[in-house]
N, C-alpha and C. Protein backbone atom coordinates (compact mmCIF):
# COMPACT_ATOMS: atom_id res chain seq x y z
N MET A 1 -195.35 -78.27 -131.81
CA MET A 1 -194.47 -77.25 -131.26
C MET A 1 -194.99 -75.88 -131.68
N ASN A 2 -195.13 -74.98 -130.73
CA ASN A 2 -195.53 -73.60 -130.98
C ASN A 2 -194.34 -72.69 -130.69
N ILE A 3 -194.03 -71.84 -131.63
CA ILE A 3 -192.93 -70.89 -131.47
C ILE A 3 -193.51 -69.50 -131.67
N SER A 4 -193.18 -68.61 -130.77
CA SER A 4 -193.64 -67.23 -130.91
C SER A 4 -192.59 -66.28 -130.38
N SER A 5 -192.61 -65.07 -130.90
CA SER A 5 -191.72 -64.03 -130.38
C SER A 5 -192.57 -62.90 -129.84
N LEU A 6 -192.08 -62.30 -128.79
CA LEU A 6 -192.79 -61.23 -128.09
C LEU A 6 -191.87 -60.05 -127.87
N VAL A 7 -192.46 -58.88 -127.81
CA VAL A 7 -191.76 -57.71 -127.30
C VAL A 7 -192.40 -57.39 -125.96
N VAL A 8 -191.59 -57.39 -124.93
CA VAL A 8 -192.06 -57.10 -123.58
C VAL A 8 -191.68 -55.66 -123.26
N ASN A 9 -192.67 -54.83 -123.03
CA ASN A 9 -192.45 -53.43 -122.69
C ASN A 9 -192.53 -53.26 -121.17
N LEU A 10 -191.52 -52.61 -120.63
CA LEU A 10 -191.45 -52.41 -119.18
C LEU A 10 -192.01 -51.05 -118.77
N ILE A 11 -192.46 -50.98 -117.54
CA ILE A 11 -192.94 -49.72 -116.97
C ILE A 11 -191.76 -48.80 -116.71
N ASP A 12 -190.70 -49.36 -116.11
CA ASP A 12 -189.53 -48.59 -115.72
C ASP A 12 -188.27 -49.27 -116.26
N LYS A 13 -187.52 -48.56 -117.11
CA LYS A 13 -186.32 -49.17 -117.71
C LYS A 13 -185.24 -49.47 -116.67
N ASN A 14 -185.33 -48.87 -115.48
CA ASN A 14 -184.36 -49.16 -114.43
C ASN A 14 -184.50 -50.58 -113.90
N GLY A 15 -185.63 -51.22 -114.16
CA GLY A 15 -185.83 -52.60 -113.72
C GLY A 15 -185.52 -53.61 -114.81
N LEU A 16 -184.77 -53.20 -115.83
CA LEU A 16 -184.48 -54.07 -116.96
C LEU A 16 -183.76 -55.36 -116.55
N ASN A 17 -182.71 -55.25 -115.76
CA ASN A 17 -181.93 -56.43 -115.38
C ASN A 17 -182.76 -57.43 -114.58
N LEU A 18 -183.58 -56.94 -113.67
CA LEU A 18 -184.44 -57.83 -112.88
C LEU A 18 -185.48 -58.49 -113.78
N ALA A 19 -186.03 -57.73 -114.72
CA ALA A 19 -187.02 -58.30 -115.65
C ALA A 19 -186.40 -59.41 -116.49
N ILE A 20 -185.20 -59.20 -116.99
CA ILE A 20 -184.49 -60.22 -117.77
C ILE A 20 -184.25 -61.46 -116.92
N GLU A 21 -183.83 -61.25 -115.69
CA GLU A 21 -183.60 -62.37 -114.76
C GLU A 21 -184.89 -63.16 -114.54
N ASN A 22 -186.00 -62.46 -114.33
CA ASN A 22 -187.29 -63.13 -114.11
C ASN A 22 -187.77 -63.86 -115.37
N LEU A 23 -187.57 -63.26 -116.53
CA LEU A 23 -187.96 -63.91 -117.79
C LEU A 23 -187.16 -65.19 -118.02
N ASN A 24 -185.88 -65.15 -117.70
CA ASN A 24 -185.02 -66.33 -117.89
C ASN A 24 -185.39 -67.48 -116.96
N LYS A 25 -186.13 -67.20 -115.90
CA LYS A 25 -186.57 -68.24 -114.97
C LYS A 25 -187.82 -68.97 -115.47
N ILE A 26 -188.49 -68.39 -116.46
CA ILE A 26 -189.73 -68.98 -116.97
C ILE A 26 -189.40 -70.07 -117.98
N LYS A 27 -189.99 -71.24 -117.75
CA LYS A 27 -189.81 -72.37 -118.66
C LYS A 27 -190.29 -71.97 -120.05
N ASN A 28 -189.60 -72.38 -121.07
CA ASN A 28 -189.93 -72.15 -122.48
C ASN A 28 -189.64 -70.74 -122.96
N CYS A 29 -189.05 -69.89 -122.14
CA CYS A 29 -188.84 -68.49 -122.49
C CYS A 29 -187.34 -68.21 -122.62
N GLU A 30 -186.95 -67.56 -123.72
CA GLU A 30 -185.55 -67.21 -123.93
C GLU A 30 -185.46 -65.74 -124.30
N VAL A 31 -184.66 -64.98 -123.58
CA VAL A 31 -184.43 -63.57 -123.89
C VAL A 31 -183.44 -63.51 -125.04
N ILE A 32 -183.82 -62.81 -126.10
CA ILE A 32 -182.99 -62.72 -127.30
C ILE A 32 -182.24 -61.39 -127.36
N ALA A 33 -182.93 -60.31 -127.03
CA ALA A 33 -182.32 -58.98 -127.10
C ALA A 33 -183.06 -58.03 -126.17
N HIS A 34 -182.42 -56.90 -125.88
CA HIS A 34 -183.07 -55.87 -125.06
C HIS A 34 -182.46 -54.52 -125.36
N GLN A 35 -183.29 -53.49 -125.19
CA GLN A 35 -182.82 -52.13 -125.36
C GLN A 35 -183.78 -51.21 -124.61
N ASN A 36 -183.23 -50.33 -123.82
CA ASN A 36 -184.02 -49.40 -123.02
C ASN A 36 -185.07 -50.15 -122.19
N SER A 37 -186.34 -49.95 -122.48
CA SER A 37 -187.38 -50.60 -121.69
C SER A 37 -188.10 -51.69 -122.48
N GLN A 38 -187.43 -52.25 -123.49
CA GLN A 38 -188.02 -53.31 -124.30
C GLN A 38 -187.13 -54.55 -124.32
N ILE A 39 -187.80 -55.71 -124.24
CA ILE A 39 -187.09 -56.99 -124.26
C ILE A 39 -187.75 -57.87 -125.31
N VAL A 40 -186.94 -58.50 -126.14
CA VAL A 40 -187.45 -59.44 -127.14
C VAL A 40 -187.23 -60.85 -126.60
N VAL A 41 -188.31 -61.63 -126.56
CA VAL A 41 -188.22 -63.01 -126.08
C VAL A 41 -188.81 -63.97 -127.12
N VAL A 42 -188.33 -65.21 -127.07
CA VAL A 42 -188.87 -66.27 -127.91
C VAL A 42 -189.44 -67.34 -126.98
N LEU A 43 -190.64 -67.80 -127.30
CA LEU A 43 -191.28 -68.88 -126.55
C LEU A 43 -191.31 -70.12 -127.43
N GLU A 44 -190.95 -71.27 -126.86
CA GLU A 44 -191.07 -72.56 -127.54
C GLU A 44 -191.88 -73.46 -126.63
N CYS A 45 -193.13 -73.71 -127.01
CA CYS A 45 -194.06 -74.47 -126.18
C CYS A 45 -194.60 -75.67 -126.94
N GLU A 46 -195.00 -76.67 -126.18
CA GLU A 46 -195.51 -77.90 -126.80
C GLU A 46 -196.95 -77.78 -127.29
N SER A 47 -197.71 -76.85 -126.71
CA SER A 47 -199.11 -76.71 -127.10
C SER A 47 -199.52 -75.25 -127.03
N PHE A 48 -200.67 -74.97 -127.64
CA PHE A 48 -201.21 -73.62 -127.60
C PHE A 48 -201.54 -73.21 -126.17
N ASP A 49 -202.12 -74.13 -125.40
CA ASP A 49 -202.46 -73.84 -124.00
C ASP A 49 -201.22 -73.46 -123.20
N GLU A 50 -200.14 -74.20 -123.40
CA GLU A 50 -198.89 -73.91 -122.70
C GLU A 50 -198.35 -72.54 -123.12
N GLN A 51 -198.50 -72.22 -124.39
CA GLN A 51 -198.06 -70.92 -124.91
C GLN A 51 -198.84 -69.79 -124.23
N ILE A 52 -200.15 -69.93 -124.12
CA ILE A 52 -200.98 -68.90 -123.48
C ILE A 52 -200.63 -68.75 -122.01
N LYS A 53 -200.44 -69.88 -121.31
CA LYS A 53 -200.06 -69.83 -119.89
C LYS A 53 -198.74 -69.09 -119.70
N THR A 54 -197.78 -69.37 -120.57
CA THR A 54 -196.47 -68.71 -120.48
C THR A 54 -196.62 -67.22 -120.77
N PHE A 55 -197.41 -66.88 -121.77
CA PHE A 55 -197.65 -65.48 -122.11
C PHE A 55 -198.27 -64.73 -120.92
N LYS A 56 -199.26 -65.34 -120.29
CA LYS A 56 -199.91 -64.71 -119.13
C LYS A 56 -198.94 -64.56 -117.95
N LYS A 57 -198.06 -65.55 -117.80
CA LYS A 57 -197.06 -65.47 -116.73
C LYS A 57 -196.12 -64.28 -116.98
N ILE A 58 -195.74 -64.08 -118.24
CA ILE A 58 -194.87 -62.95 -118.59
C ILE A 58 -195.59 -61.63 -118.31
N GLU A 59 -196.86 -61.55 -118.71
CA GLU A 59 -197.63 -60.32 -118.49
C GLU A 59 -197.79 -59.99 -117.01
N SER A 60 -197.76 -61.00 -116.15
CA SER A 60 -197.98 -60.78 -114.73
C SER A 60 -196.69 -60.44 -113.96
N LEU A 61 -195.55 -60.46 -114.63
CA LEU A 61 -194.30 -60.15 -113.94
C LEU A 61 -194.27 -58.70 -113.49
N GLU A 62 -193.57 -58.49 -112.39
CA GLU A 62 -193.39 -57.13 -111.86
C GLU A 62 -192.70 -56.26 -112.91
N ASN A 63 -193.14 -55.04 -113.08
CA ASN A 63 -192.57 -54.04 -113.97
C ASN A 63 -192.90 -54.27 -115.45
N VAL A 64 -193.72 -55.27 -115.76
CA VAL A 64 -194.11 -55.48 -117.15
C VAL A 64 -195.36 -54.66 -117.46
N LYS A 65 -195.23 -53.76 -118.41
CA LYS A 65 -196.36 -52.94 -118.84
C LYS A 65 -197.27 -53.74 -119.76
N GLU A 66 -196.65 -54.43 -120.74
CA GLU A 66 -197.40 -55.25 -121.69
C GLU A 66 -196.44 -56.19 -122.42
N ALA A 67 -196.99 -57.25 -122.94
CA ALA A 67 -196.25 -58.18 -123.79
C ALA A 67 -197.02 -58.28 -125.10
N CYS A 68 -196.35 -58.03 -126.21
CA CYS A 68 -197.00 -58.01 -127.52
C CYS A 68 -196.44 -59.12 -128.40
N VAL A 69 -197.31 -59.94 -128.94
CA VAL A 69 -196.88 -61.01 -129.84
C VAL A 69 -196.52 -60.40 -131.19
N VAL A 70 -195.33 -60.73 -131.67
CA VAL A 70 -194.86 -60.24 -132.96
C VAL A 70 -194.99 -61.33 -134.01
N TYR A 71 -194.73 -62.57 -133.60
CA TYR A 71 -194.75 -63.70 -134.53
C TYR A 71 -195.25 -64.93 -133.79
N SER A 72 -196.03 -65.74 -134.47
CA SER A 72 -196.50 -66.98 -133.86
C SER A 72 -196.60 -68.06 -134.93
N TYR A 73 -196.05 -69.24 -134.62
CA TYR A 73 -196.09 -70.37 -135.54
C TYR A 73 -196.56 -71.60 -134.78
N GLU A 74 -197.51 -72.31 -135.35
CA GLU A 74 -198.00 -73.54 -134.74
C GLU A 74 -197.77 -74.68 -135.71
N ASP A 75 -197.00 -75.66 -135.27
CA ASP A 75 -196.77 -76.86 -136.06
C ASP A 75 -197.89 -77.82 -135.75
N SER A 76 -198.82 -77.94 -136.67
CA SER A 76 -200.00 -78.74 -136.43
C SER A 76 -199.96 -80.02 -137.24
N ASN A 77 -200.38 -81.10 -136.63
CA ASN A 77 -200.44 -82.37 -137.32
C ASN A 77 -201.81 -82.62 -137.93
N LEU A 78 -202.67 -81.63 -137.85
CA LEU A 78 -204.01 -81.77 -138.41
C LEU A 78 -203.94 -81.72 -139.92
N SER A 79 -204.62 -82.62 -140.57
CA SER A 79 -204.67 -82.57 -142.03
C SER A 79 -206.12 -82.33 -142.44
N LEU A 80 -206.34 -81.21 -143.10
CA LEU A 80 -207.68 -80.87 -143.56
C LEU A 80 -207.81 -81.26 -145.02
N LYS A 81 -208.94 -81.77 -145.38
CA LYS A 81 -209.18 -82.14 -146.77
C LYS A 81 -209.49 -80.90 -147.58
N GLN A 82 -209.01 -80.86 -148.79
CA GLN A 82 -209.19 -79.70 -149.65
C GLN A 82 -210.66 -79.38 -149.88
N ASP A 83 -211.52 -80.40 -149.98
CA ASP A 83 -212.95 -80.16 -150.18
C ASP A 83 -213.54 -79.34 -149.04
N PHE A 84 -213.14 -79.67 -147.81
CA PHE A 84 -213.62 -78.95 -146.64
C PHE A 84 -213.13 -77.50 -146.67
N ILE A 85 -211.87 -77.31 -147.01
CA ILE A 85 -211.30 -75.96 -147.08
C ILE A 85 -212.03 -75.13 -148.12
N ASP A 86 -212.26 -75.71 -149.30
CA ASP A 86 -212.97 -75.00 -150.35
C ASP A 86 -214.39 -74.63 -149.92
N GLU A 87 -215.05 -75.54 -149.24
CA GLU A 87 -216.41 -75.29 -148.78
C GLU A 87 -216.46 -74.10 -147.81
N VAL A 88 -215.54 -74.06 -146.88
CA VAL A 88 -215.51 -72.97 -145.90
C VAL A 88 -215.18 -71.65 -146.57
N LEU A 89 -214.19 -71.66 -147.46
CA LEU A 89 -213.77 -70.41 -148.10
C LEU A 89 -214.81 -69.87 -149.08
N ASN A 90 -215.59 -70.75 -149.67
CA ASN A 90 -216.58 -70.31 -150.65
C ASN A 90 -217.96 -70.07 -150.05
N LYS A 91 -218.12 -70.31 -148.79
CA LYS A 91 -219.41 -70.13 -148.12
C LYS A 91 -219.67 -68.63 -147.94
N GLU A 92 -220.87 -68.23 -148.30
CA GLU A 92 -221.23 -66.82 -148.13
C GLU A 92 -221.80 -66.61 -146.73
N LEU A 93 -221.13 -65.78 -145.96
CA LEU A 93 -221.57 -65.48 -144.61
C LEU A 93 -221.88 -64.00 -144.49
N LYS A 94 -222.91 -63.68 -143.74
CA LYS A 94 -223.21 -62.29 -143.44
C LYS A 94 -222.33 -61.86 -142.28
N ALA A 95 -221.90 -60.62 -142.30
CA ALA A 95 -221.00 -60.11 -141.26
C ALA A 95 -221.56 -60.33 -139.86
N GLY A 96 -222.85 -60.21 -139.69
CA GLY A 96 -223.47 -60.39 -138.38
C GLY A 96 -223.42 -61.83 -137.89
N ALA A 97 -223.17 -62.77 -138.78
CA ALA A 97 -223.13 -64.18 -138.40
C ALA A 97 -221.75 -64.61 -137.91
N ILE A 98 -220.76 -63.74 -138.06
CA ILE A 98 -219.40 -64.06 -137.65
C ILE A 98 -219.19 -63.58 -136.22
N LYS A 99 -218.86 -64.51 -135.33
CA LYS A 99 -218.65 -64.19 -133.93
C LYS A 99 -217.17 -63.89 -133.71
N TYR A 100 -216.88 -62.73 -133.14
CA TYR A 100 -215.51 -62.33 -132.84
C TYR A 100 -215.24 -62.55 -131.35
N ASN A 101 -214.13 -63.23 -131.03
CA ASN A 101 -213.80 -63.54 -129.65
C ASN A 101 -212.52 -62.91 -129.16
N GLY A 102 -211.92 -62.04 -129.96
CA GLY A 102 -210.64 -61.45 -129.57
C GLY A 102 -210.79 -60.16 -128.80
N ASN A 103 -209.66 -59.57 -128.44
CA ASN A 103 -209.61 -58.28 -127.79
C ASN A 103 -208.78 -57.35 -128.64
N VAL A 104 -209.28 -56.19 -128.92
CA VAL A 104 -208.54 -55.21 -129.68
C VAL A 104 -207.82 -54.31 -128.68
N LYS A 105 -206.52 -54.20 -128.83
CA LYS A 105 -205.72 -53.38 -127.93
C LYS A 105 -205.16 -52.22 -128.74
N VAL A 106 -205.54 -51.03 -128.38
CA VAL A 106 -205.09 -49.85 -129.12
C VAL A 106 -204.14 -49.05 -128.26
């Protein structure tokens, strides 16, 4: 189970009610609070892929300027052995050897 909270910023606060209505139609999405042109939602998804698909669906809604993740929790059944964790954490890596795959949004 993946649980995350988002702040959805709207382009026009006059479309707040329609945006809330559209968010409530999305599976796994619950509107928790809203004020002016911001809406707080909680997502409860079965997998990371489902979480990303839901997030992208929210971002594509009419009048949505952006959706920002505030909190994310993943309940994972993976069990890592302590030896492996220690090996990774103690490994000396050069900064150039680390590949970054994210997007920085300023």
